[in-house]
Protein backbone atom coordinates (compact mmCIF):
# COMPACT_ATOMS: atom_id res chain seq x y z
CA MET A 1 -27.88 5.04 1.82
CA ILE A 2 -27.44 6.70 -1.61
CA ASP A 3 -30.32 8.20 -3.58
CA PHE A 4 -30.20 9.90 -6.98
CA ARG A 5 -33.47 11.65 -7.72
CA ASN A 6 -33.81 12.84 -11.33
CA VAL A 7 -30.16 13.89 -11.39
CA SER A 8 -28.70 15.58 -14.46
CA LYS A 9 -25.26 17.06 -14.95
CA THR A 10 -24.26 19.37 -17.79
CA TYR A 11 -20.74 20.80 -17.86
CA PRO A 12 -20.01 24.41 -18.92
CA ASN A 13 -18.79 23.20 -22.34
CA GLY A 14 -22.25 21.77 -23.02
CA THR A 15 -21.43 18.10 -22.34
CA HIS A 16 -24.45 16.28 -20.92
CA ALA A 17 -22.74 13.80 -18.58
CA LEU A 18 -25.84 12.50 -16.79
CA ASN A 19 -29.47 12.73 -17.86
CA ASP A 20 -32.33 12.34 -15.38
CA VAL A 21 -30.74 9.52 -13.36
CA SER A 22 -32.80 8.05 -10.52
CA LEU A 23 -31.57 5.09 -8.47
CA HIS A 24 -31.23 3.86 -4.91
CA ILE A 25 -28.23 2.03 -3.42
CA GLU A 26 -28.93 0.37 -0.11
CA LYS A 27 -26.57 0.29 2.84
CA GLY A 28 -24.26 -2.72 2.64
CA GLU A 29 -24.64 -3.28 -1.12
CA PHE A 30 -21.81 -4.09 -3.52
CA VAL A 31 -22.38 -2.39 -6.88
CA PHE A 32 -20.38 -2.54 -10.11
CA ILE A 33 -20.71 0.52 -12.36
CA VAL A 34 -19.99 -0.29 -16.02
CA GLY A 35 -20.18 1.63 -19.28
CA ALA A 36 -18.20 2.93 -22.24
CA SER A 37 -15.66 5.73 -22.00
CA GLY A 38 -17.58 8.99 -21.68
CA ALA A 39 -20.78 7.25 -20.56
CA GLY A 40 -20.95 9.20 -17.30
CA LYS A 41 -19.37 6.79 -14.82
CA SER A 42 -16.75 9.22 -13.53
CA THR A 43 -19.30 12.00 -13.18
CA PHE A 44 -21.51 9.62 -11.20
CA LEU A 45 -18.68 9.04 -8.71
CA LYS A 46 -17.71 12.73 -8.58
CA LEU A 47 -21.26 13.65 -7.68
CA ILE A 48 -21.28 11.11 -4.84
CA MET A 49 -18.00 12.51 -3.52
CA ARG A 50 -19.34 16.06 -4.03
CA GLU A 51 -16.48 16.96 -6.36
CA GLU A 52 -19.22 18.10 -8.74
CA ILE A 53 -22.72 19.48 -8.16
CA PRO A 54 -25.69 18.33 -10.26
CA THR A 55 -27.28 20.75 -12.69
CA SER A 56 -30.68 19.52 -11.56
CA GLY A 57 -32.12 16.87 -9.28
CA GLU A 58 -31.11 15.83 -5.79
CA ILE A 59 -28.50 13.49 -4.33
CA ILE A 60 -29.07 12.19 -0.82
CA ILE A 61 -26.47 10.22 1.16
CA ASN A 62 -27.41 8.82 4.55
CA GLY A 63 -30.43 11.10 4.60
CA ASN A 64 -28.37 14.22 3.88
CA LYS A 65 -29.19 16.45 0.92
CA LEU A 66 -25.89 17.27 -0.77
CA SER A 67 -27.37 20.40 -2.34
CA ARG A 68 -27.61 21.88 1.17
CA LEU A 69 -24.02 21.03 2.06
CA ARG A 70 -21.76 24.05 2.44
CA ARG A 71 -18.30 23.85 0.89
CA ARG A 72 -16.56 23.95 4.26
CA ASP A 73 -18.62 20.95 5.37
CA VAL A 74 -17.70 18.72 2.40
CA PRO A 75 -14.76 17.15 4.32
CA TYR A 76 -17.25 15.83 6.89
CA LEU A 77 -19.09 14.03 4.10
CA ARG A 78 -15.87 12.54 2.73
CA ARG A 79 -14.78 11.26 6.14
CA HIS A 80 -17.54 8.69 5.74
CA MET A 81 -16.02 7.54 2.43
CA GLY A 82 -12.89 5.68 1.45
CA ILE A 83 -11.58 6.36 -2.06
CA VAL A 84 -9.51 3.86 -4.07
CA PHE A 85 -7.89 5.24 -7.23
CA GLN A 86 -6.63 3.46 -10.34
CA ASP A 87 -3.25 5.20 -10.12
CA PHE A 88 -2.81 4.49 -6.37
CA ARG A 89 -1.82 8.10 -5.48
CA LEU A 90 0.68 7.06 -2.84
CA ILE A 91 3.30 9.48 -1.51
CA GLU A 92 6.63 8.12 -2.71
CA LYS A 93 8.74 9.62 0.09
CA MET A 94 6.59 8.01 2.78
CA THR A 95 6.65 4.44 4.01
CA VAL A 96 3.62 2.19 3.65
CA PHE A 97 2.78 2.86 7.30
CA ASP A 98 2.93 6.62 6.86
CA ASN A 99 0.91 6.56 3.63
CA VAL A 100 -1.93 4.88 5.48
CA ALA A 101 -1.44 6.89 8.67
CA PHE A 102 -1.61 10.11 6.63
CA ALA A 103 -5.36 9.60 6.15
CA MET A 104 -5.82 9.32 9.92
CA ARG A 105 -3.65 12.34 10.72
CA ALA A 106 -5.71 14.37 8.25
CA VAL A 107 -8.82 13.86 10.40
CA GLY A 108 -7.02 14.51 13.68
CA GLU A 109 -6.69 11.00 15.09
CA SER A 110 -4.37 10.52 18.05
CA SER A 111 -0.93 8.93 17.69
CA ALA A 112 -1.99 6.07 19.98
CA THR A 113 -4.97 5.23 17.77
CA ILE A 114 -2.84 5.46 14.61
CA LYS A 115 -0.21 3.09 16.03
CA LYS A 116 -2.88 0.50 16.74
CA ARG A 117 -5.15 0.98 13.76
CA VAL A 118 -2.66 1.14 10.85
CA PRO A 119 -1.01 -2.27 11.51
CA TYR A 120 -4.47 -3.79 11.95
CA VAL A 121 -5.68 -2.56 8.56
CA LEU A 122 -2.41 -3.43 6.81
CA ASN A 123 -2.73 -6.93 8.20
CA LEU A 124 -6.27 -7.05 6.84
CA VAL A 125 -4.96 -6.46 3.29
CA GLY A 126 -1.96 -8.76 3.77
CA LEU A 127 0.77 -6.10 4.02
CA LYS A 128 1.70 -5.96 7.68
CA ASP A 129 5.25 -7.09 6.84
CA LYS A 130 5.64 -4.21 4.34
CA MET A 131 5.00 -1.34 6.76
CA LYS A 132 8.54 0.07 6.46
CA ASN A 133 8.78 -0.23 2.68
CA LYS A 134 8.43 2.67 0.26
CA PRO A 135 5.86 2.44 -2.58
CA SER A 136 8.66 2.04 -5.16
CA GLU A 137 9.66 -1.20 -3.41
CA LEU A 138 6.22 -2.74 -3.92
CA SER A 139 4.53 -4.45 -6.85
CA GLY A 140 1.53 -2.84 -8.53
CA GLY A 141 -0.84 -5.17 -6.69
CA GLU A 142 0.78 -4.36 -3.36
CA GLN A 143 0.56 -0.62 -4.04
CA GLN A 144 -3.15 -0.98 -4.77
CA ARG A 145 -3.60 -2.85 -1.49
CA VAL A 146 -1.89 0.05 0.30
CA SER A 147 -4.38 2.35 -1.42
CA LEU A 148 -7.18 0.10 -0.22
CA ALA A 149 -5.80 0.11 3.34
CA ARG A 150 -5.66 3.91 3.26
CA ALA A 151 -9.30 3.98 2.14
CA LEU A 152 -10.29 1.62 4.96
CA VAL A 153 -8.31 3.07 7.84
CA ASN A 154 -10.87 5.68 8.90
CA ASN A 155 -13.56 3.01 8.97
CA PRO A 156 -15.77 4.49 6.23
CA GLU A 157 -19.36 3.55 5.57
CA ILE A 158 -18.80 3.68 1.80
CA ILE A 159 -15.86 2.54 -0.33
CA VAL A 160 -15.69 4.19 -3.77
CA ALA A 161 -13.25 2.45 -6.13
CA ASP A 162 -12.56 4.02 -9.53
CA GLU A 163 -11.05 1.37 -11.82
CA PRO A 164 -9.13 -0.21 -8.89
CA THR A 165 -7.83 -3.04 -11.09
CA GLY A 166 -6.80 -0.89 -14.06
CA ASN A 167 -3.06 -1.05 -13.32
CA VAL A 168 -2.68 -4.63 -12.13
CA ASP A 169 -2.63 -7.97 -13.95
CA PRO A 170 -5.73 -10.23 -14.17
CA GLU A 171 -4.76 -12.45 -11.23
CA LEU A 172 -4.25 -9.45 -8.96
CA SER A 173 -7.47 -7.90 -10.28
CA HIS A 174 -9.34 -10.87 -8.85
CA GLU A 175 -7.47 -10.46 -5.56
CA ILE A 176 -8.40 -6.78 -5.25
CA ILE A 177 -12.10 -7.43 -5.94
CA GLU A 178 -12.05 -10.35 -3.51
CA LEU A 179 -10.71 -8.02 -0.81
CA LEU A 180 -13.45 -5.51 -1.58
CA ASN A 181 -15.96 -8.35 -1.44
CA GLU A 182 -14.73 -9.36 2.01
CA ILE A 183 -14.93 -5.76 3.19
CA ASN A 184 -18.46 -5.58 1.85
CA ALA A 185 -19.33 -8.74 3.79
CA MET A 186 -18.48 -6.81 6.98
CA GLY A 187 -21.24 -4.34 6.15
CA THR A 188 -19.46 -1.61 4.17
CA THR A 189 -21.17 -0.30 1.04
CA VAL A 190 -18.87 -0.76 -1.99
CA LEU A 191 -19.10 0.96 -5.38
CA VAL A 192 -16.68 -0.19 -8.09
CA VAL A 193 -16.24 1.29 -11.57
CA THR A 194 -14.66 -1.37 -13.77
CA HIS A 195 -14.24 -2.40 -17.40
CA GLU A 196 -13.41 -6.03 -16.59
CA HIS A 197 -16.32 -8.22 -17.72
CA GLU A 198 -14.98 -11.41 -16.17
CA LEU A 199 -14.82 -9.89 -12.70
CA VAL A 200 -18.36 -8.62 -13.02
CA ARG A 201 -19.59 -12.09 -13.97
CA GLU A 202 -17.58 -13.96 -11.39
CA PHE A 203 -18.72 -12.01 -8.33
CA HIS A 204 -22.43 -11.88 -9.21
CA GLN A 205 -23.06 -8.54 -7.56
CA ARG A 206 -25.46 -5.80 -8.60
CA VAL A 207 -24.42 -4.18 -11.91
CA ILE A 208 -25.51 -0.72 -13.04
CA ALA A 209 -24.80 0.04 -16.71
CA ILE A 210 -24.55 3.68 -17.81
CA ASP A 211 -24.67 4.77 -21.45
CA HIS A 212 -24.75 8.36 -22.72
CA GLY A 213 -25.55 9.62 -19.25
CA ARG A 214 -28.50 7.31 -18.61
CA VAL A 215 -28.87 4.15 -16.56
CA VAL A 216 -29.64 1.59 -19.25
CA GLY A 217 -29.37 -1.51 -17.11
CA ASP A 218 -29.58 -2.62 -13.50
CA THR A 219 -29.35 -6.28 -12.51
CA GLY A 220 -30.96 -5.83 -9.14
CA SER A 221 -32.17 -2.36 -8.36
CA VAL A 222 -33.15 -1.51 -4.81
CA THR A 223 -35.98 0.81 -3.88
CA GLU A 224 -37.12 2.02 -0.51
CA ASP A 225 -39.87 -0.60 -0.77
CA GLY A 226 -37.41 -3.43 -1.28
CA TYR A 227 -35.49 -5.27 -4.00
CA SER A 228 -36.74 -5.66 -7.54
CA GLU A 229 -36.24 -9.04 -9.15
CA PRO A 230 -32.51 -9.27 -10.05
CA ALA A 231 -31.05 -11.26 -12.92
CA GLU A 232 -29.39 -14.48 -11.78
CA SER A 233 -26.09 -13.27 -13.17
CA ALA A 234 -24.59 -10.47 -15.21
CA ASP A 235 -24.56 -12.76 -18.27
CA GLU A 236 -28.33 -12.46 -18.51
CA GLY A 237 -27.93 -8.86 -19.62
CA PHE A 238 -29.57 -5.62 -18.63
CA THR A 239 -33.07 -4.39 -19.45
CA ASP A 240 -33.95 -0.73 -19.80
CA ASP A 241 -36.90 0.13 -17.59
CA LEU A 242 -38.22 2.52 -20.26
CA GLY A 243 -38.57 0.08 -23.11
CA ASP A 244 -37.60 -3.19 -24.69
CA LEU A 245 -33.89 -2.39 -25.14
CA GLU A 246 -31.77 -5.27 -23.89
CA ILE A 247 -28.03 -4.89 -23.44
CA ASP A 248 -25.71 -7.84 -23.08
CA ILE A 249 -22.60 -7.15 -21.01
CA ASP A 250 -20.37 -8.66 -23.74
CA LYS A 251 -21.75 -6.19 -26.30
CA LEU A 252 -21.19 -3.07 -24.23
CA ASP A 253 -18.45 -0.91 -25.74
CA ILE A 254 -16.54 -0.73 -22.50
CA ASP A 255 -13.16 0.95 -22.76
CA GLN A 256 -9.97 -0.69 -21.64
CA GLY A 257 -8.79 2.27 -20.24
CA PHE A 258 -16.71 -1.67 7.09
CA ALA A 259 -19.80 -0.84 8.82
CA PRO A 260 -19.69 2.13 11.27
CA GLY A 261 -17.72 1.30 14.38
CA SER A 262 -14.92 -1.23 14.69
CA LEU A 263 -14.11 -3.68 11.94
CA ASP A 264 -14.94 -7.24 12.79
CA GLY A 265 -12.42 -8.57 15.27
CA GLU A 266 -10.76 -5.23 16.01
CA PRO A 267 -10.06 -4.71 19.70
CA GLU A 268 -11.66 -1.66 21.23
CA SER A 269 -9.83 0.66 23.56
CA GLU A 270 -10.68 3.64 25.68
CA GLY A 271 -10.25 7.02 24.07
CA GLU A 272 -10.80 5.76 20.53
CA THR A 273 -12.45 8.50 18.52
CA ALA A 274 -15.75 7.78 16.81
CA LEU A 275 -16.35 8.75 13.21
CA PRO A 276 -17.28 12.43 12.86
CA GLN A 277 -20.97 13.06 12.33
CA TYR A 278 -22.51 15.08 9.53
CA PRO A 279 -22.83 18.80 10.27
CA ASP A 280 -26.01 19.86 12.01
CA ASN A 281 -26.87 22.36 9.28
CA VAL A 282 -27.41 19.64 6.65
CA GLU A 283 -31.09 18.99 6.11
CA ARG A 284 -32.04 15.39 6.86
CA ILE A 285 -34.82 13.48 5.20
CA PRO A 286 -37.39 12.27 7.76
CA ASP A 287 -37.33 8.52 8.42
């Protein structure tokens, strides 16, 4: 699904954000990305979304080399992703329905599909009765669920969540991660950047720790040959593959700062548009 092969990223000001990162994320995984402020987490996500280009190395998503992707074809890549932001990024003048529908209109979906799909996804996140409300009339947790519905509505293969619980209280943080966990159970790959240790422990998913641009811990790395032996839980700490350095999640200086096709249970109808495919010009890695 997602491969980083010896990826490094150096910004024009000389900042080395990532240093020789190699990892594999399998389709359908749920992965927490943790690390201190400035460790390279945001750059990692930006590279996946193709907001940034690596200085060296190769990133491959679904067999597509991102280095061969032309700028005008980047939207095709992002149509396979749903993005959840810490600050929600909802349009205040629009209703909840229109905020979610906006993502579908942007990719050219028909009005008939939008009218069916948006209520379905809002119901999935528990907000069907809030369709006519404006964002200002919602709580922080409800606004984040609208953001999640918007990320889901185009049926992406990958959900990328950048500090999705940063602006909600602890109880709602659990609720948001639980929703992402349920979405992951349907087959969608989920990547979550978070600073909340308790959530990482509670959900016992794969945890990748980044420090000074390097992956210093991975509680269950996946390779093309299969899974390595994962720790039983995040409390057992991370071990650097290059040496004897062990990092306990409590000691990390972390700042406080659906599968392709229909979702499970969604009725199908004639004329429903399939997800757009990657452009033909993108080089694919042989199976």
